[in-house]
């Protein structure tokens, strides 16, 4: 699945990184706890979160996460968007809640992987 397909499934607004939407994503991880993301996320994944702070960008960078999606209508500030842009990350936002967003992506064929 590509990041563009993820965008379409979740009806996301692209906040930065539109030029990278054709990148492949292999799995998804949904969490507001970055320690869980560090423990369970995989490379080339989508991170779904409602946590709007710079730690999200730093975590994504360490794990080679392709795309961050802010759920529940959260809007990251310009500092977060600038950090993402510097790191060539895709940042999107959706009004879906975390559970719904993860379910829609699962239904579309994107998996998270076993622990």
Protein backbone atom coordinates (compact mmCIF):
# COMPACT_ATOMS: atom_id res chain seq x y z
CA UNK A 1 0.00 0.00 0.00
CA UNK A 2 1.24 3.53 -0.69
CA UNK A 3 0.90 6.57 1.53
CA UNK A 4 -1.48 7.99 -1.08
CA UNK A 5 -3.76 4.97 -0.65
CA UNK A 6 -3.64 5.48 3.12
CA UNK A 7 -4.64 9.10 2.56
CA UNK A 8 -7.61 8.03 0.46
CA UNK A 9 -8.78 5.36 2.93
CA UNK A 10 -8.72 7.80 5.87
CA UNK A 11 -9.67 10.90 3.87
CA UNK A 12 -6.65 12.69 5.31
CA UNK A 13 -5.47 16.22 4.75
CA UNK A 14 -1.81 16.29 3.75
CA UNK A 15 0.02 18.83 5.90
CA UNK A 16 3.52 18.25 4.53
CA UNK A 17 5.35 15.78 2.30
CA UNK A 18 2.83 15.56 -0.53
CA UNK A 19 5.69 14.85 -2.94
CA UNK A 20 6.36 11.56 -1.08
CA UNK A 21 2.83 10.11 -1.21
CA UNK A 22 3.86 7.35 -3.62
CA UNK A 23 6.16 5.76 -1.04
CA UNK A 24 5.28 2.23 0.01
CA UNK A 25 4.14 1.58 3.57
CA UNK A 26 4.39 -1.95 4.91
CA UNK A 27 2.55 -1.74 8.24
CA UNK A 28 0.85 0.59 10.67
CA UNK A 29 1.21 1.40 14.36
CA UNK A 30 -1.34 3.35 16.40
CA UNK A 31 -0.28 4.79 19.75
CA UNK A 32 0.01 7.95 21.80
CA UNK A 33 2.87 6.38 23.77
CA UNK A 34 6.13 6.75 21.88
CA UNK A 35 7.73 4.05 24.05
CA UNK A 36 5.24 1.55 22.56
CA UNK A 37 6.00 2.83 19.08
CA UNK A 38 9.72 2.31 19.70
CA UNK A 39 9.06 -1.21 20.97
CA UNK A 40 6.58 -2.43 18.36
CA UNK A 41 6.76 -0.37 15.17
CA UNK A 42 8.51 -1.55 12.02
CA UNK A 43 10.39 0.21 9.22
CA UNK A 44 8.40 1.82 6.43
CA UNK A 45 5.27 2.09 8.52
CA UNK A 46 2.52 4.59 9.18
CA UNK A 47 2.27 6.02 12.68
CA UNK A 48 -1.21 7.01 13.84
CA UNK A 49 -1.19 9.21 16.93
CA UNK A 50 -2.96 11.99 18.73
CA UNK A 51 0.23 13.14 20.46
CA UNK A 52 1.24 16.53 19.06
CA UNK A 53 4.78 17.18 20.20
CA UNK A 54 8.28 17.05 18.66
CA UNK A 55 8.94 13.62 20.20
CA UNK A 56 6.65 12.12 17.54
CA UNK A 57 8.94 13.38 14.78
CA UNK A 58 12.07 12.18 16.58
CA UNK A 59 10.55 8.75 17.10
CA UNK A 60 9.51 8.53 13.45
CA UNK A 61 13.00 9.45 12.34
CA UNK A 62 14.65 6.76 14.49
CA UNK A 63 12.37 4.05 13.09
CA UNK A 64 12.28 5.04 9.43
CA UNK A 65 8.55 5.72 9.65
CA UNK A 66 7.27 6.99 6.31
CA UNK A 67 4.13 8.79 7.41
CA UNK A 68 2.61 10.27 10.56
CA UNK A 69 -1.15 10.66 10.77
CA UNK A 70 -2.60 12.78 13.51
CA UNK A 71 -6.00 11.39 14.50
CA UNK A 72 -9.01 12.91 16.30
CA UNK A 73 -8.67 16.17 14.37
CA UNK A 74 -5.39 17.05 16.07
CA UNK A 75 -3.40 19.80 14.41
CA UNK A 76 0.38 19.84 14.87
CA UNK A 77 2.00 23.24 15.22
CA UNK A 78 4.37 24.73 12.68
CA UNK A 79 7.47 23.59 14.63
CA UNK A 80 6.41 19.96 14.23
CA UNK A 81 5.62 20.46 10.55
CA UNK A 82 8.99 22.13 9.96
CA UNK A 83 10.79 19.24 11.69
CA UNK A 84 8.90 16.75 9.52
CA UNK A 85 9.70 18.67 6.35
CA UNK A 86 13.43 18.70 7.19
CA UNK A 87 13.28 14.91 7.53
CA UNK A 88 11.20 14.27 4.38
CA UNK A 89 8.31 12.84 6.41
CA UNK A 90 4.71 12.82 5.28
CA UNK A 91 2.37 14.35 7.84
CA UNK A 92 -1.38 14.03 7.50
CA UNK A 93 -4.41 14.63 9.68
CA UNK A 94 -7.77 12.91 9.90
CA UNK A 95 -10.92 13.40 11.92
CA UNK A 96 -11.15 9.67 12.59
CA UNK A 97 -10.48 8.42 16.09
CA UNK A 98 -7.52 6.09 16.55
CA UNK A 99 -9.61 2.91 16.74
CA UNK A 100 -11.59 3.74 13.62
CA UNK A 101 -8.51 4.80 11.64
CA UNK A 102 -6.64 1.60 12.51
CA UNK A 103 -9.70 -0.48 11.67
CA UNK A 104 -10.15 1.16 8.29
CA UNK A 105 -6.50 0.59 7.39
CA UNK A 106 -6.72 -3.04 8.54
CA UNK A 107 -9.84 -3.53 6.46
CA UNK A 108 -7.97 -2.08 3.47
CA UNK A 109 -5.21 -4.68 3.89
CA UNK A 110 -2.56 -2.88 5.95
CA UNK A 111 -1.35 -4.93 8.92
CA UNK A 112 0.57 -4.13 12.06
CA UNK A 113 2.41 -7.41 12.57
CA UNK A 114 2.53 -9.75 15.54
CA UNK A 115 4.38 -9.01 18.76
